[in-house]
């Protein structure tokens, strides 16, 4: 790792330590506060990122947030033991996909496309996971909220930006159709039984494809 001076080396080490110690990805503004005024955070991040290219962990940037991640080529070799967790209910997966691909979108618009009412509990699940957020209200009768996905959503699915959302053939690889999606210990009465999810997943895949085909035809 090359630096111009001992002082720069110290700041670079501090940046490395801050990123390593943080449980969440950090933005440039937060890092600037940690390192102090007059420090070229962007240049230091670029230098640190280059240094870690060939390491077991890489420094990556997703939606303006920086964090260390396991090198992609080592991902299949990593084994982490966790306690079993609940699967994401089909309704929540559908609503998440609708928001991701149609945002900004209102609850009424989601219900219109899905053809069924969206319960508040479904939105609560996605809000507790930190994957969606309310936006500005529409200037229409009732002033409904617009819904958007969050940086946490992009980070969880390892997507750099909304422009990089996967196509239909990549949805399962990205996790949007993966029955292994989890909720931690969040419990909801309207959850679909776990035993029913694998069969419903095929129905959901067909629904997403039909919706995307309709959108493409409209364009």
Protein backbone atom coordinates (compact mmCIF):
# COMPACT_ATOMS: atom_id res chain seq x y z
CA UNK A 1 0.00 0.00 0.00
CA UNK A 2 1.55 3.28 -1.05
CA UNK A 3 1.13 6.61 0.72
CA UNK A 4 2.71 10.02 0.42
CA UNK A 5 3.67 10.40 4.06
CA UNK A 6 3.53 8.88 7.52
CA UNK A 7 0.54 11.11 8.30
CA UNK A 8 -1.33 9.83 5.26
CA UNK A 9 -0.49 6.27 6.29
CA UNK A 10 -2.02 6.93 9.69
CA UNK A 11 -5.21 8.35 8.22
CA UNK A 12 -5.46 5.42 5.82
CA UNK A 13 -5.13 2.97 8.71
CA UNK A 14 -7.81 4.87 10.63
CA UNK A 15 -10.14 4.68 7.63
CA UNK A 16 -9.49 0.95 7.37
CA UNK A 17 -10.23 0.49 11.07
CA UNK A 18 -13.45 2.51 10.96
CA UNK A 19 -14.79 0.51 8.02
CA UNK A 20 -13.77 -2.78 9.59
CA UNK A 21 -15.33 -1.99 12.96
CA UNK A 22 -18.66 -0.77 11.59
CA UNK A 23 -21.55 -3.23 11.60
CA UNK A 24 -23.20 -1.28 8.76
CA UNK A 25 -21.93 0.20 5.46
CA UNK A 26 -20.79 3.82 5.82
CA UNK A 27 -21.24 6.81 3.55
CA UNK A 28 -18.53 9.31 2.63
CA UNK A 29 -20.14 11.98 4.82
CA UNK A 30 -19.91 9.76 7.91
CA UNK A 31 -16.31 8.81 7.11
CA UNK A 32 -15.44 12.48 6.60
CA UNK A 33 -16.69 13.23 10.12
CA UNK A 34 -14.55 10.41 11.51
CA UNK A 35 -11.39 11.43 9.67
CA UNK A 36 -11.75 15.19 9.97
CA UNK A 37 -11.88 18.12 7.57
CA UNK A 38 -9.24 18.45 4.90
CA UNK A 39 -8.96 14.69 4.36
CA UNK A 40 -9.61 13.48 0.81
CA UNK A 41 -11.85 10.58 1.75
CA UNK A 42 -12.66 9.65 -1.86
CA UNK A 43 -8.98 9.30 -2.75
CA UNK A 44 -8.26 7.24 0.36
CA UNK A 45 -11.21 4.95 -0.36
CA UNK A 46 -9.94 4.39 -3.89
CA UNK A 47 -6.47 3.56 -2.57
CA UNK A 48 -7.83 1.21 0.07
CA UNK A 49 -10.12 -0.45 -2.48
CA UNK A 50 -7.20 -1.07 -4.84
CA UNK A 51 -5.12 -2.51 -2.00
CA UNK A 52 -7.80 -5.09 -1.15
CA UNK A 53 -8.51 -6.24 -4.70
CA UNK A 54 -6.46 -9.45 -4.34
CA UNK A 55 -7.36 -10.08 -0.70
CA UNK A 56 -9.91 -12.42 0.85
CA UNK A 57 -12.10 -9.42 1.57
CA UNK A 58 -12.79 -6.55 -0.83
CA UNK A 59 -13.81 -2.97 -0.15
CA UNK A 60 -16.99 -2.31 -2.12
CA UNK A 61 -19.36 0.60 -2.66
CA UNK A 62 -23.12 0.08 -2.98
CA UNK A 63 -25.42 3.06 -3.41
CA UNK A 64 -22.81 5.39 -1.92
CA UNK A 65 -22.20 3.17 1.11
CA UNK A 66 -18.79 1.51 1.72
CA UNK A 67 -18.07 -1.78 3.48
CA UNK A 68 -15.80 -4.82 3.46
CA UNK A 69 -17.24 -7.95 1.85
CA UNK A 70 -15.94 -11.46 1.23
CA UNK A 71 -14.27 -11.75 -2.19
CA UNK A 72 -16.85 -13.11 -4.67
CA UNK A 73 -14.66 -16.04 -5.75
CA UNK A 74 -14.52 -17.28 -2.14
CA UNK A 75 -18.26 -17.02 -1.44
CA UNK A 76 -18.97 -20.67 -2.31
CA UNK A 77 -16.24 -21.82 0.08
CA UNK A 78 -17.63 -19.98 3.07
CA UNK A 79 -19.77 -21.91 5.53
CA UNK A 80 -21.68 -20.04 8.20
CA UNK A 81 -23.88 -21.93 10.64
CA UNK A 82 -27.01 -20.11 11.66
CA UNK A 83 -30.16 -21.11 13.47
CA UNK A 84 -33.17 -21.79 11.20
CA UNK A 85 -35.18 -18.72 10.29
CA UNK A 86 -38.61 -18.08 8.88
CA UNK A 87 -39.11 -17.79 5.15
CA UNK A 88 -40.40 -14.58 3.60
CA UNK A 89 -44.15 -14.91 2.99
CA UNK A 90 -45.24 -14.96 -0.63
CA UNK A 91 -47.31 -11.78 -0.21
CA UNK A 92 -44.28 -9.88 1.13
CA UNK A 93 -42.07 -11.15 -1.70
CA UNK A 94 -44.65 -10.02 -4.27
CA UNK A 95 -44.99 -6.56 -2.73
CA UNK A 96 -41.21 -6.19 -2.50
CA UNK A 97 -40.84 -7.08 -6.19
CA UNK A 98 -43.62 -4.64 -7.12
CA UNK A 99 -41.95 -1.79 -5.25
CA UNK A 100 -38.49 -2.62 -6.60
CA UNK A 101 -39.55 -2.69 -10.24
CA UNK A 102 -42.30 -0.02 -10.25
CA UNK A 103 -41.13 2.57 -7.69
CA UNK A 104 -42.29 5.09 -6.82
CA UNK A 105 -45.55 3.18 -6.40
CA UNK A 106 -48.54 3.57 -4.09
CA UNK A 107 -50.28 0.87 -2.12
CA UNK A 108 -53.35 1.23 -4.35
CA UNK A 109 -51.22 0.73 -7.46
CA UNK A 110 -49.65 -2.39 -5.95
CA UNK A 111 -53.10 -3.76 -5.17
CA UNK A 112 -54.32 -2.94 -8.67
CA UNK A 113 -51.50 -4.91 -10.30
CA UNK A 114 -51.58 -7.82 -7.84
CA UNK A 115 -55.37 -7.98 -7.86
CA UNK A 116 -55.59 -8.45 -4.09
CA UNK A 117 -55.59 -6.20 -1.05
CA UNK A 118 -52.22 -5.56 0.59
CA UNK A 119 -52.41 -5.90 4.35
CA UNK A 120 -50.62 -3.43 6.60
CA UNK A 121 -48.79 -6.37 8.14
CA UNK A 122 -47.11 -7.17 4.83
CA UNK A 123 -45.71 -3.64 4.59
CA UNK A 124 -44.72 -3.81 8.27
CA UNK A 125 -42.60 -6.90 7.56
CA UNK A 126 -40.68 -5.14 4.80
CA UNK A 127 -40.35 -1.98 6.90
CA UNK A 128 -38.92 -3.96 9.84
CA UNK A 129 -36.41 -5.60 7.51
CA UNK A 130 -35.43 -2.11 6.34
CA UNK A 131 -36.00 -2.97 2.67
CA UNK A 132 -38.67 -0.34 1.89
CA UNK A 133 -39.38 3.23 2.95
CA UNK A 134 -42.23 5.72 2.47
CA UNK A 135 -41.60 8.63 0.12
CA UNK A 136 -43.45 11.82 -0.73
CA UNK A 137 -47.23 11.81 -0.92
CA UNK A 138 -48.92 11.99 -4.30
CA UNK A 139 -50.77 15.20 -5.14
CA UNK A 140 -53.93 13.21 -5.81
CA UNK A 141 -57.12 12.64 -3.79
CA UNK A 142 -56.26 11.04 -0.48
CA UNK A 143 -52.59 11.98 -0.94
CA UNK A 144 -51.32 8.37 -0.84
CA UNK A 145 -47.72 7.57 0.07
CA UNK A 146 -45.21 6.55 -2.55
CA UNK A 147 -43.10 3.51 -1.64
CA UNK A 148 -39.43 2.99 -2.49
CA UNK A 149 -36.75 0.40 -1.79
CA UNK A 150 -33.81 1.32 0.45
CA UNK A 151 -30.04 1.07 0.48
CA UNK A 152 -30.46 -1.90 2.84
CA UNK A 153 -32.44 -3.67 0.11
CA UNK A 154 -29.65 -3.08 -2.41
CA UNK A 155 -27.02 -4.19 0.09
CA UNK A 156 -28.89 -7.36 1.07
CA UNK A 157 -29.19 -8.48 -2.55
CA UNK A 158 -25.71 -7.13 -3.42
CA UNK A 159 -27.05 -4.74 -6.09
CA UNK A 160 -25.01 -1.61 -6.77
CA UNK A 161 -27.98 0.49 -7.93
CA UNK A 162 -31.57 0.16 -9.10
CA UNK A 163 -30.31 0.21 -12.70
CA UNK A 164 -28.63 -3.11 -11.96
CA UNK A 165 -31.79 -4.92 -10.88
CA UNK A 166 -31.68 -8.41 -12.41
CA UNK A 167 -33.78 -9.62 -15.30
CA UNK A 168 -36.37 -12.36 -14.90
CA UNK A 169 -33.87 -15.16 -15.45
CA UNK A 170 -31.70 -13.77 -12.66
CA UNK A 171 -34.39 -13.15 -10.04
CA UNK A 172 -33.82 -16.38 -8.15
CA UNK A 173 -30.04 -15.95 -8.29
CA UNK A 174 -30.48 -12.46 -6.81
CA UNK A 175 -32.79 -13.75 -4.10
CA UNK A 176 -36.09 -12.12 -5.09
CA UNK A 177 -37.63 -15.50 -5.88
CA UNK A 178 -35.51 -17.56 -3.50
CA UNK A 179 -37.54 -19.50 -0.95
CA UNK A 180 -34.62 -19.15 1.46
CA UNK A 181 -35.42 -15.46 2.07
CA UNK A 182 -35.65 -15.01 5.81
CA UNK A 183 -37.37 -12.81 8.35
CA UNK A 184 -35.30 -13.55 11.42
CA UNK A 185 -37.73 -13.93 14.29
CA UNK A 186 -40.47 -11.63 12.95
CA UNK A 187 -43.83 -13.38 13.40
CA UNK A 188 -47.00 -12.40 11.56
CA UNK A 189 -50.42 -14.02 11.73
CA UNK A 190 -50.90 -13.66 7.98
CA UNK A 191 -47.69 -15.57 7.15
CA UNK A 192 -48.12 -18.32 4.61
CA UNK A 193 -47.20 -21.71 6.13
CA UNK A 194 -43.62 -22.64 5.34
CA UNK A 195 -44.73 -25.94 3.82
CA UNK A 196 -46.75 -24.07 1.19
CA UNK A 197 -44.00 -21.74 -0.02
CA UNK A 198 -42.11 -24.00 -2.48
CA UNK A 199 -45.25 -24.63 -4.57
CA UNK A 200 -46.27 -20.97 -4.43
CA UNK A 201 -42.83 -19.89 -5.58
CA UNK A 202 -43.52 -21.26 -9.07
CA UNK A 203 -46.79 -19.33 -9.19
CA UNK A 204 -44.96 -16.15 -8.14
CA UNK A 205 -42.32 -16.64 -10.85
CA UNK A 206 -45.07 -16.92 -13.45
CA UNK A 207 -46.77 -13.80 -12.02
CA UNK A 208 -43.56 -11.76 -12.20
CA UNK A 209 -42.92 -12.87 -15.78
CA UNK A 210 -46.47 -12.00 -16.85
CA UNK A 211 -46.22 -8.59 -15.21
CA UNK A 212 -42.86 -7.85 -16.84
CA UNK A 213 -44.16 -8.97 -20.25
CA UNK A 214 -47.14 -6.62 -19.87
CA UNK A 215 -44.83 -3.75 -18.95
CA UNK A 216 -42.56 -4.44 -21.92
CA UNK A 217 -45.54 -4.55 -24.28
CA UNK A 218 -46.77 -1.22 -22.93
CA UNK A 219 -43.41 0.40 -23.59
